[in-house]
Amino acid sequence: MAILSRLLNVAKTTVNPVRSMGGIGGQVQNRPSRWNYDIFKDHIHFYVMLGVVPLGLAVLFANIYEGPAVLKPIPEGYVPQEHEYYRSPVTRWFVKYVYPSQQQSYEQHLCQVWEEQKVTNMYQLMREVKRVQKIHQDYKGWYVREVDHASYLRASMKNHSIYEDTVGYVLGDEEVPKEKAENVFRY
């Protein structure tokens, strides 16, 4: 126990004394700056208010000036438009100017179905053509590329004649000079 009490006294002596200026007490803590965070919050609040306040005033004006729609009988011969079926003026505006109409959505869907059907018919036709070609074996597949072998042969003969003109023939391990190569079989 004597050792622990001595260690306790050593721990007390290693603590640095703190001056209390004017009796206030405590220390000023060092902490990272919050300046960037505060500026970020200020900008967010400014731009949100820049958009929210005018939109809020527009919605308030529309609700006060126009108000909700009231159901009335449709006059004979009048065909109501799609946006006239909604109650709120803001919803009517969105349906009229922002959202696509039901007819437009339906026709877009029909166009997608038609294109998918076209692609499916094309693949079915390609499979049928390949099947018939496989049965009759009388037509080359679409993947065949024609190769002009004569051009490769001409290039090879030209290279051989250039080699023949410069070096002469090589028979086995010995090289035959050009003047003695007259009797050598040419291919």
C-alpha atoms as a PDB file:
ATOM      1  CA  MET A   1       0.000   0.000   0.000  1.00  0.00           C
ATOM      2  CA  ALA A   2       2.842   2.307   0.598  1.00  0.00           C
ATOM      3  CA  ILE A   3       3.809   2.074  -3.061  1.00  0.00           C
ATOM      4  CA  LEU A   4       0.348   3.068  -4.264  1.00  0.00           C
ATOM      5  CA  SER A   5       0.204   6.107  -1.994  1.00  0.00           C
ATOM      6  CA  ARG A   6       3.607   7.241  -3.248  1.00  0.00           C
ATOM      7  CA  LEU A   7       2.443   6.854  -6.889  1.00  0.00           C
ATOM      8  CA  LEU A   8      -0.639   8.876  -6.057  1.00  0.00           C
ATOM      9  CA  ASN A   9       1.528  11.719  -4.777  1.00  0.00           C
ATOM     10  CA  VAL A  10       3.644  11.557  -7.975  1.00  0.00           C
ATOM     11  CA  ALA A  11       0.483  11.840 -10.119  1.00  0.00           C
ATOM     12  CA  LYS A  12      -0.567  14.970  -8.188  1.00  0.00           C
ATOM     13  CA  THR A  13       2.762  16.677  -8.749  1.00  0.00           C
ATOM     14  CA  THR A  14       2.682  16.122 -12.547  1.00  0.00           C
ATOM     15  CA  VAL A  15      -0.543  18.128 -12.987  1.00  0.00           C
ATOM     16  CA  ASN A  16       0.185  21.614 -14.306  1.00  0.00           C
ATOM     17  CA  PRO A  17      -1.366  24.375 -12.315  1.00  0.00           C
ATOM     18  CA  VAL A  18      -3.971  26.488 -14.063  1.00  0.00           C
ATOM     19  CA  ARG A  19      -4.289  30.206 -13.421  1.00  0.00           C
ATOM     20  CA  SER A  20      -7.766  31.445 -12.858  1.00  0.00           C
ATOM     21  CA  MET A  21      -7.804  34.906 -14.348  1.00  0.00           C
ATOM     22  CA  GLY A  22      -9.957  37.098 -12.206  1.00  0.00           C
ATOM     23  CA  GLY A  23     -11.561  34.147 -10.449  1.00  0.00           C
ATOM     24  CA  ILE A  24     -13.582  33.007 -13.459  1.00  0.00           C
ATOM     25  CA  GLY A  25     -12.037  29.556 -13.513  1.00  0.00           C
ATOM     26  CA  GLY A  26     -11.784  27.014 -16.328  1.00  0.00           C
ATOM     27  CA  GLN A  27      -9.734  26.867 -19.468  1.00  0.00           C
ATOM     28  CA  VAL A  28     -10.326  27.954 -23.031  1.00  0.00           C
ATOM     29  CA  GLN A  29     -10.622  24.824 -25.126  1.00  0.00           C
ATOM     30  CA  ASN A  30      -8.967  24.698 -28.527  1.00  0.00           C
ATOM     31  CA  ARG A  31     -11.381  23.456 -31.140  1.00  0.00           C
ATOM     32  CA  PRO A  32     -11.510  23.460 -34.931  1.00  0.00           C
ATOM     33  CA  SER A  33     -13.019  26.438 -36.668  1.00  0.00           C
ATOM     34  CA  ARG A  34     -16.708  26.263 -37.604  1.00  0.00           C
ATOM     35  CA  TRP A  35     -16.456  29.126 -40.079  1.00  0.00           C
ATOM     36  CA  ASN A  36     -16.836  26.936 -43.210  1.00  0.00           C
ATOM     37  CA  TYR A  37     -19.783  25.090 -41.701  1.00  0.00           C
ATOM     38  CA  ASP A  38     -21.502  28.348 -40.703  1.00  0.00           C
ATOM     39  CA  ILE A  39     -20.992  29.853 -44.177  1.00  0.00           C
ATOM     40  CA  PHE A  40     -22.365  26.643 -45.757  1.00  0.00           C
ATOM     41  CA  LYS A  41     -25.475  26.830 -43.556  1.00  0.00           C
ATOM     42  CA  ASP A  42     -25.944  30.506 -44.391  1.00  0.00           C
ATOM     43  CA  HIS A  43     -25.793  29.780 -48.139  1.00  0.00           C
ATOM     44  CA  ILE A  44     -28.211  26.852 -47.854  1.00  0.00           C
ATOM     45  CA  HIS A  45     -30.705  28.945 -45.889  1.00  0.00           C
ATOM     46  CA  PHE A  46     -30.364  31.857 -48.325  1.00  0.00           C
ATOM     47  CA  TYR A  47     -30.942  29.805 -51.471  1.00  0.00           C
ATOM     48  CA  VAL A  48     -33.730  27.739 -49.936  1.00  0.00           C
ATOM     49  CA  MET A  49     -35.491  30.914 -48.880  1.00  0.00           C
ATOM     50  CA  LEU A  50     -34.804  32.407 -52.312  1.00  0.00           C
ATOM     51  CA  GLY A  51     -36.884  29.579 -53.814  1.00  0.00           C
ATOM     52  CA  VAL A  52     -39.353  28.767 -51.028  1.00  0.00           C
ATOM     53  CA  VAL A  53     -40.607  32.278 -50.338  1.00  0.00           C
ATOM     54  CA  PRO A  54     -41.642  33.131 -53.932  1.00  0.00           C
ATOM     55  CA  LEU A  55     -43.187  29.691 -54.466  1.00  0.00           C
ATOM     56  CA  GLY A  56     -45.037  29.930 -51.186  1.00  0.00           C
ATOM     57  CA  LEU A  57     -46.386  33.344 -52.138  1.00  0.00           C
ATOM     58  CA  ALA A  58     -47.458  32.041 -55.569  1.00  0.00           C
ATOM     59  CA  VAL A  59     -49.305  29.085 -54.013  1.00  0.00           C
ATOM     60  CA  LEU A  60     -50.933  31.359 -51.430  1.00  0.00           C
ATOM     61  CA  PHE A  61     -52.018  33.809 -54.144  1.00  0.00           C
ATOM     62  CA  ALA A  62     -53.426  30.986 -56.312  1.00  0.00           C
ATOM     63  CA  ASN A  63     -55.373  29.481 -53.423  1.00  0.00           C
ATOM     64  CA  ILE A  64     -56.762  32.842 -52.325  1.00  0.00           C
ATOM     65  CA  TYR A  65     -57.473  34.268 -55.795  1.00  0.00           C
ATOM     66  CA  GLU A  66     -58.777  31.155 -57.580  1.00  0.00           C
ATOM     67  CA  GLY A  67     -59.585  28.849 -54.710  1.00  0.00           C
ATOM     68  CA  PRO A  68     -60.528  25.202 -54.984  1.00  0.00           C
ATOM     69  CA  ALA A  69     -62.590  24.049 -57.932  1.00  0.00           C
ATOM     70  CA  VAL A  70     -66.330  23.574 -57.490  1.00  0.00           C
ATOM     71  CA  LEU A  71     -68.297  20.823 -59.200  1.00  0.00           C
ATOM     72  CA  LYS A  72     -70.843  22.097 -61.687  1.00  0.00           C
ATOM     73  CA  PRO A  73     -72.802  20.345 -64.408  1.00  0.00           C
ATOM     74  CA  ILE A  74     -71.007  20.254 -67.760  1.00  0.00           C
ATOM     75  CA  PRO A  75     -72.771  22.327 -70.429  1.00  0.00           C
ATOM     76  CA  GLU A  76     -73.983  20.438 -73.453  1.00  0.00           C
ATOM     77  CA  GLY A  77     -71.476  20.309 -76.308  1.00  0.00           C
ATOM     78  CA  TYR A  78     -68.492  21.279 -74.070  1.00  0.00           C
ATOM     79  CA  VAL A  79     -65.646  18.771 -73.740  1.00  0.00           C
ATOM     80  CA  PRO A  80     -63.682  19.455 -70.542  1.00  0.00           C
ATOM     81  CA  GLN A  81     -59.904  19.292 -70.666  1.00  0.00           C
ATOM     82  CA  GLU A  82     -57.955  16.922 -68.482  1.00  0.00           C
ATOM     83  CA  HIS A  83     -56.618  19.544 -66.072  1.00  0.00           C
ATOM     84  CA  GLU A  84     -60.128  20.782 -65.276  1.00  0.00           C
ATOM     85  CA  TYR A  85     -60.912  17.636 -63.284  1.00  0.00           C
ATOM     86  CA  TYR A  86     -58.529  18.483 -60.417  1.00  0.00           C
ATOM     87  CA  ARG A  87     -59.601  20.488 -57.381  1.00  0.00           C
ATOM     88  CA  SER A  88     -56.472  22.439 -56.360  1.00  0.00           C
ATOM     89  CA  PRO A  89     -55.281  25.280 -58.633  1.00  0.00           C
ATOM     90  CA  VAL A  90     -51.640  24.280 -58.135  1.00  0.00           C
ATOM     91  CA  THR A  91     -52.384  20.687 -59.128  1.00  0.00           C
ATOM     92  CA  ARG A  92     -54.337  21.919 -62.156  1.00  0.00           C
ATOM     93  CA  TRP A  93     -51.365  24.044 -63.230  1.00  0.00           C
ATOM     94  CA  PHE A  94     -48.944  21.103 -62.853  1.00  0.00           C
ATOM     95  CA  VAL A  95     -51.246  18.785 -64.797  1.00  0.00           C
ATOM     96  CA  LYS A  96     -51.691  21.375 -67.549  1.00  0.00           C
ATOM     97  CA  TYR A  97     -48.060  22.508 -68.006  1.00  0.00           C
ATOM     98  CA  VAL A  98     -45.690  20.003 -66.331  1.00  0.00           C
ATOM     99  CA  TYR A  99     -47.055  16.459 -66.292  1.00  0.00           C
ATOM    100  CA  PRO A 100     -47.739  14.508 -69.492  1.00  0.00           C
ATOM    101  CA  SER A 101     -51.376  13.797 -70.191  1.00  0.00           C
ATOM    102  CA  GLN A 102     -52.837  10.315 -69.888  1.00  0.00           C
ATOM    103  CA  GLN A 103     -53.254  10.099 -73.641  1.00  0.00           C
ATOM    104  CA  GLN A 104     -49.611  11.069 -74.206  1.00  0.00           C
ATOM    105  CA  SER A 105     -48.420   8.476 -71.660  1.00  0.00           C
ATOM    106  CA  TYR A 106     -50.588   5.812 -73.299  1.00  0.00           C
ATOM    107  CA  GLU A 107     -49.274   6.590 -76.790  1.00  0.00           C
ATOM    108  CA  GLN A 108     -45.659   6.570 -75.535  1.00  0.00           C
ATOM    109  CA  HIS A 109     -46.285   3.151 -74.017  1.00  0.00           C
ATOM    110  CA  LEU A 110     -47.805   1.923 -77.310  1.00  0.00           C
ATOM    111  CA  CYS A 111     -44.714   3.176 -79.172  1.00  0.00           C
ATOM    112  CA  GLN A 112     -42.416   1.255 -76.803  1.00  0.00           C
ATOM    113  CA  VAL A 113     -44.504  -1.920 -77.231  1.00  0.00           C
ATOM    114  CA  TRP A 114     -44.415  -1.509 -81.041  1.00  0.00           C
ATOM    115  CA  GLU A 115     -40.621  -1.077 -81.071  1.00  0.00           C
ATOM    116  CA  GLU A 116     -40.110  -4.122 -78.829  1.00  0.00           C
ATOM    117  CA  GLN A 117     -42.399  -6.162 -81.078  1.00  0.00           C
ATOM    118  CA  LYS A 118     -40.413  -5.044 -84.148  1.00  0.00           C
ATOM    119  CA  VAL A 119     -37.156  -6.171 -82.532  1.00  0.00           C
ATOM    120  CA  THR A 120     -38.703  -9.494 -81.521  1.00  0.00           C
ATOM    121  CA  ASN A 121     -39.985 -10.097 -85.065  1.00  0.00           C
ATOM    122  CA  MET A 122     -36.541  -9.267 -86.477  1.00  0.00           C
ATOM    123  CA  TYR A 123     -34.851 -11.808 -84.182  1.00  0.00           C
ATOM    124  CA  GLN A 124     -37.454 -14.439 -85.069  1.00  0.00           C
ATOM    125  CA  LEU A 125     -36.891 -13.828 -88.783  1.00  0.00           C
ATOM    126  CA  MET A 126     -33.101 -14.073 -88.359  1.00  0.00           C
ATOM    127  CA  ARG A 127     -33.484 -17.385 -86.493  1.00  0.00           C
ATOM    128  CA  GLU A 128     -35.775 -18.720 -89.229  1.00  0.00           C
ATOM    129  CA  VAL A 129     -33.337 -17.703 -91.992  1.00  0.00           C
ATOM    130  CA  LYS A 130     -30.441 -19.410 -90.184  1.00  0.00           C
ATOM    131  CA  ARG A 131     -32.557 -22.525 -89.658  1.00  0.00           C
ATOM    132  CA  VAL A 132     -33.442 -22.730 -93.369  1.00  0.00           C
ATOM    133  CA  GLN A 133     -29.804 -22.130 -94.359  1.00  0.00           C
ATOM    134  CA  LYS A 134     -28.742 -24.909 -92.011  1.00  0.00           C
ATOM    135  CA  ILE A 135     -31.303 -27.302 -93.489  1.00  0.00           C
ATOM    136  CA  HIS A 136     -30.469 -26.652 -97.160  1.00  0.00           C
ATOM    137  CA  GLN A 137     -26.763 -25.880 -96.682  1.00  0.00           C
ATOM    138  CA  ASP A 138     -26.747 -23.832 -99.854  1.00  0.00           C
ATOM    139  CA  TYR A 139     -25.852 -20.348 -98.677  1.00  0.00           C
ATOM    140  CA  LYS A 140     -22.929 -18.870 -96.751  1.00  0.00           C
ATOM    141  CA  GLY A 141     -23.605 -17.496 -93.312  1.00  0.00           C
ATOM    142  CA  TRP A 142     -23.657 -13.787 -92.645  1.00  0.00           C
ATOM    143  CA  TYR A 143     -20.459 -14.051 -90.657  1.00  0.00           C
ATOM    144  CA  VAL A 144     -18.352 -15.070 -93.699  1.00  0.00           C
ATOM    145  CA  ARG A 145     -15.995 -12.417 -95.008  1.00  0.00           C
ATOM    146  CA  GLU A 146     -14.646 -12.783 -98.481  1.00  0.00           C
ATOM    147  CA  VAL A 147     -10.839 -12.844 -98.630  1.00  0.00           C
ATOM    148  CA  ASP A 148      -8.927 -12.013-101.800  1.00  0.00           C
ATOM    149  CA  HIS A 149      -6.216 -14.686-101.732  1.00  0.00           C
ATOM    150  CA  ALA A 150      -4.784 -13.501-105.047  1.00  0.00           C
ATOM    151  CA  SER A 151      -3.659 -10.225-103.497  1.00  0.00           C
ATOM    152  CA  TYR A 152      -1.699 -12.132-100.825  1.00  0.00           C
ATOM    153  CA  LEU A 153      -0.151 -14.343-103.503  1.00  0.00           C
ATOM    154  CA  ARG A 154       0.844 -11.310-105.593  1.00  0.00           C
ATOM    155  CA  ALA A 155       2.418  -9.618-102.555  1.00  0.00           C
ATOM    156  CA  SER A 156       4.330 -12.792-101.705  1.00  0.00           C
ATOM    157  CA  MET A 157       5.615 -13.130-105.279  1.00  0.00           C
ATOM    158  CA  LYS A 158       6.693  -9.489-105.312  1.00  0.00           C
ATOM    159  CA  ASN A 159       8.600  -9.919-102.045  1.00  0.00           C
ATOM    160  CA  HIS A 160      10.204 -13.076-103.377  1.00  0.00           C
ATOM    161  CA  SER A 161      11.319 -11.341-106.588  1.00  0.00           C
ATOM    162  CA  ILE A 162      12.786  -8.447-104.576  1.00  0.00           C
ATOM    163  CA  TYR A 163      14.664 -10.940-102.406  1.00  0.00           C
ATOM    164  CA  GLU A 164      15.794 -12.824-105.511  1.00  0.00           C
ATOM    165  CA  ASP A 165      17.089  -9.622-107.117  1.00  0.00           C
ATOM    166  CA  THR A 166      19.069  -8.558-104.073  1.00  0.00           C
ATOM    167  CA  VAL A 167      20.408 -11.814-102.613  1.00  0.00           C
ATOM    168  CA  GLY A 168      19.883 -14.646-105.050  1.00  0.00           C
ATOM    169  CA  TYR A 169      18.545 -18.106-104.285  1.00  0.00           C
ATOM    170  CA  VAL A 170      19.162 -20.027-101.098  1.00  0.00           C
ATOM    171  CA  LEU A 171      19.403 -23.795-101.582  1.00  0.00           C
ATOM    172  CA  GLY A 172      19.607 -25.669 -98.316  1.00  0.00           C
ATOM    173  CA  ASP A 173      22.432 -24.189 -96.244  1.00  0.00           C
ATOM    174  CA  GLU A 174      24.411 -22.629 -99.094  1.00  0.00           C
ATOM    175  CA  GLU A 175      23.575 -19.426-100.884  1.00  0.00           C
ATOM    176  CA  VAL A 176      23.673 -19.401-104.679  1.00  0.00           C
ATOM    177  CA  PRO A 177      24.712 -16.094-106.295  1.00  0.00           C
ATOM    178  CA  LYS A 178      22.408 -14.567-108.858  1.00  0.00           C
ATOM    179  CA  GLU A 179      24.505 -15.352-111.913  1.00  0.00           C
ATOM    180  CA  LYS A 180      24.582 -19.106-111.059  1.00  0.00           C
ATOM    181  CA  ALA A 181      20.888 -19.158-110.198  1.00  0.00           C
ATOM    182  CA  GLU A 182      19.741 -19.282-113.820  1.00  0.00           C
ATOM    183  CA  ASN A 183      19.488 -23.081-113.813  1.00  0.00           C
ATOM    184  CA  VAL A 184      17.613 -23.321-110.507  1.00  0.00           C
ATOM    185  CA  PHE A 185      13.971 -24.376-110.641  1.00  0.00           C
ATOM    186  CA  ARG A 186      11.643 -21.401-110.225  1.00  0.00           C
ATOM    187  CA  TYR A 187       8.179 -21.692-108.768  1.00  0.00           C
END
